[in-house]
């Protein structure tokens, strides 16, 4: 169980890191001009837009990591669950007629 947990944990960490890196690589370039406008102008509108975009990026990254962690937990559960025998058929001594 320890070896399986280590393997699944490492794979999950790699998936979380790569998916978050892809999300950051996709969402950061459009965020740079917004950040420049927010720092060069005195208006609070640009700063508010930048803040909203940055929080949206953080939320999306958190969702990606949460999804991958749940996937890793399900994989760990599937790989470490003991094989279950088939349940016996229910015994009904009398037949019930509708």
C-alpha atoms as a PDB file:
ATOM      1  CA  UNK A   1       0.000   0.000   0.000  1.00  0.00           C
ATOM      2  CA  UNK A   2       2.900   2.331   0.750  1.00  0.00           C
ATOM      3  CA  UNK A   3       4.499   1.713  -2.650  1.00  0.00           C
ATOM      4  CA  UNK A   4       1.193   2.183  -4.445  1.00  0.00           C
ATOM      5  CA  UNK A   5       0.483   5.358  -2.481  1.00  0.00           C
ATOM      6  CA  UNK A   6       3.914   6.726  -3.327  1.00  0.00           C
ATOM      7  CA  UNK A   7       3.500   5.932  -7.010  1.00  0.00           C
ATOM      8  CA  UNK A   8      -0.006   7.380  -7.229  1.00  0.00           C
ATOM      9  CA  UNK A   9       1.040  10.418  -5.185  1.00  0.00           C
ATOM     10  CA  UNK A  10       3.988  11.133  -7.457  1.00  0.00           C
ATOM     11  CA  UNK A  11       1.853  10.740 -10.576  1.00  0.00           C
ATOM     12  CA  UNK A  12      -0.806  13.015  -9.089  1.00  0.00           C
ATOM     13  CA  UNK A  13       1.761  15.661  -8.179  1.00  0.00           C
ATOM     14  CA  UNK A  14       3.171  15.539 -11.701  1.00  0.00           C
ATOM     15  CA  UNK A  15      -0.323  15.883 -13.206  1.00  0.00           C
ATOM     16  CA  UNK A  16      -1.188  18.790 -10.900  1.00  0.00           C
ATOM     17  CA  UNK A  17       2.054  20.579 -11.735  1.00  0.00           C
ATOM     18  CA  UNK A  18       1.756  20.097 -15.471  1.00  0.00           C
ATOM     19  CA  UNK A  19      -1.939  21.055 -15.632  1.00  0.00           C
ATOM     20  CA  UNK A  20      -1.336  24.170 -13.514  1.00  0.00           C
ATOM     21  CA  UNK A  21       1.644  25.118 -15.696  1.00  0.00           C
ATOM     22  CA  UNK A  22      -0.495  24.754 -18.821  1.00  0.00           C
ATOM     23  CA  UNK A  23      -3.238  26.881 -17.254  1.00  0.00           C
ATOM     24  CA  UNK A  24      -0.728  29.567 -16.281  1.00  0.00           C
ATOM     25  CA  UNK A  25       0.909  29.501 -19.711  1.00  0.00           C
ATOM     26  CA  UNK A  26      -2.476  29.901 -21.369  1.00  0.00           C
ATOM     27  CA  UNK A  27      -3.917  32.576 -19.083  1.00  0.00           C
ATOM     28  CA  UNK A  28      -0.832  34.706 -18.273  1.00  0.00           C
ATOM     29  CA  UNK A  29      -0.070  36.332 -21.676  1.00  0.00           C
ATOM     30  CA  UNK A  30      -3.480  38.085 -21.884  1.00  0.00           C
ATOM     31  CA  UNK A  31      -3.031  39.182 -18.266  1.00  0.00           C
ATOM     32  CA  UNK A  32       0.237  41.064 -18.891  1.00  0.00           C
ATOM     33  CA  UNK A  33      -1.274  44.015 -20.842  1.00  0.00           C
ATOM     34  CA  UNK A  34      -3.961  44.340 -18.174  1.00  0.00           C
ATOM     35  CA  UNK A  35      -1.262  44.483 -15.494  1.00  0.00           C
ATOM     36  CA  UNK A  36       0.679  47.127 -17.437  1.00  0.00           C
ATOM     37  CA  UNK A  37      -2.436  49.280 -17.872  1.00  0.00           C
ATOM     38  CA  UNK A  38      -3.249  48.889 -14.162  1.00  0.00           C
ATOM     39  CA  UNK A  39       0.205  50.097 -13.103  1.00  0.00           C
ATOM     40  CA  UNK A  40       0.636  52.927 -15.602  1.00  0.00           C
ATOM     41  CA  UNK A  41      -2.771  54.539 -15.167  1.00  0.00           C
ATOM     42  CA  UNK A  42      -4.150  55.980 -11.979  1.00  0.00           C
ATOM     43  CA  UNK A  43      -7.669  54.680 -12.613  1.00  0.00           C
ATOM     44  CA  UNK A  44      -9.103  52.143 -10.239  1.00  0.00           C
ATOM     45  CA  UNK A  45     -11.048  50.548 -13.099  1.00  0.00           C
ATOM     46  CA  UNK A  46      -7.907  48.990 -14.597  1.00  0.00           C
ATOM     47  CA  UNK A  47      -6.743  47.865 -11.182  1.00  0.00           C
ATOM     48  CA  UNK A  48     -10.134  46.279 -10.543  1.00  0.00           C
ATOM     49  CA  UNK A  49     -10.033  44.471 -13.884  1.00  0.00           C
ATOM     50  CA  UNK A  50      -6.529  43.201 -13.134  1.00  0.00           C
ATOM     51  CA  UNK A  51      -7.584  42.066  -9.658  1.00  0.00           C
ATOM     52  CA  UNK A  52     -10.616  40.219 -11.063  1.00  0.00           C
ATOM     53  CA  UNK A  53      -8.542  38.510 -13.765  1.00  0.00           C
ATOM     54  CA  UNK A  54      -5.871  37.506 -11.264  1.00  0.00           C
ATOM     55  CA  UNK A  55      -8.439  36.032  -8.884  1.00  0.00           C
ATOM     56  CA  UNK A  56     -10.070  34.170 -11.783  1.00  0.00           C
ATOM     57  CA  UNK A  57      -6.674  32.698 -12.665  1.00  0.00           C
ATOM     58  CA  UNK A  58      -6.105  31.621  -9.063  1.00  0.00           C
ATOM     59  CA  UNK A  59      -9.567  30.032  -8.893  1.00  0.00           C
ATOM     60  CA  UNK A  60      -9.058  28.155 -12.144  1.00  0.00           C
ATOM     61  CA  UNK A  61      -5.685  26.861 -10.945  1.00  0.00           C
ATOM     62  CA  UNK A  62      -7.214  25.780  -7.634  1.00  0.00           C
ATOM     63  CA  UNK A  63     -10.006  23.960  -9.492  1.00  0.00           C
ATOM     64  CA  UNK A  64      -7.490  22.160 -11.691  1.00  0.00           C
ATOM     65  CA  UNK A  65      -5.454  21.048  -8.679  1.00  0.00           C
ATOM     66  CA  UNK A  66      -8.577  19.951  -6.763  1.00  0.00           C
ATOM     67  CA  UNK A  67      -9.819  17.936  -9.742  1.00  0.00           C
ATOM     68  CA  UNK A  68      -6.465  16.189 -10.155  1.00  0.00           C
ATOM     69  CA  UNK A  69      -6.209  15.470  -6.416  1.00  0.00           C
ATOM     70  CA  UNK A  70      -9.662  13.859  -6.451  1.00  0.00           C
ATOM     71  CA  UNK A  71      -8.606  11.830  -9.485  1.00  0.00           C
ATOM     72  CA  UNK A  72      -5.479  10.681  -7.634  1.00  0.00           C
ATOM     73  CA  UNK A  73      -7.513   9.710  -4.583  1.00  0.00           C
ATOM     74  CA  UNK A  74      -9.922   7.678  -6.713  1.00  0.00           C
ATOM     75  CA  UNK A  75      -6.994   5.970  -8.422  1.00  0.00           C
ATOM     76  CA  UNK A  76      -5.406   5.143  -5.059  1.00  0.00           C
ATOM     77  CA  UNK A  77      -8.715   3.769  -3.788  1.00  0.00           C
ATOM     78  CA  UNK A  78      -9.168   1.650  -6.915  1.00  0.00           C
ATOM     79  CA  UNK A  79      -5.644   0.210  -6.754  1.00  0.00           C
ATOM     80  CA  UNK A  80      -5.678  -0.616  -3.045  1.00  0.00           C
ATOM     81  CA  UNK A  81      -9.226  -1.925  -2.669  1.00  0.00           C
ATOM     82  CA  UNK A  82      -9.238  -5.645  -1.845  1.00  0.00           C
ATOM     83  CA  UNK A  83     -10.854  -8.009  -4.295  1.00  0.00           C
ATOM     84  CA  UNK A  84     -14.368  -8.698  -3.132  1.00  0.00           C
ATOM     85  CA  UNK A  85     -16.099 -12.016  -3.542  1.00  0.00           C
ATOM     86  CA  UNK A  86     -19.458 -12.075  -5.231  1.00  0.00           C
ATOM     87  CA  UNK A  87     -22.313 -11.667  -2.802  1.00  0.00           C
ATOM     88  CA  UNK A  88     -24.521 -14.731  -2.383  1.00  0.00           C
ATOM     89  CA  UNK A  89     -27.976 -14.579  -3.898  1.00  0.00           C
ATOM     90  CA  UNK A  90     -30.635 -13.518  -1.428  1.00  0.00           C
ATOM     91  CA  UNK A  91     -32.521 -16.382   0.168  1.00  0.00           C
ATOM     92  CA  UNK A  92     -36.282 -16.122  -0.056  1.00  0.00           C
ATOM     93  CA  UNK A  93     -38.106 -18.970   1.629  1.00  0.00           C
ATOM     94  CA  UNK A  94     -41.502 -17.920   0.293  1.00  0.00           C
ATOM     95  CA  UNK A  95     -42.586 -16.355  -2.918  1.00  0.00           C
ATOM     96  CA  UNK A  96     -44.648 -13.207  -2.739  1.00  0.00           C
ATOM     97  CA  UNK A  97     -47.298 -12.874  -5.411  1.00  0.00           C
ATOM     98  CA  UNK A  98     -48.352  -9.435  -6.563  1.00  0.00           C
END
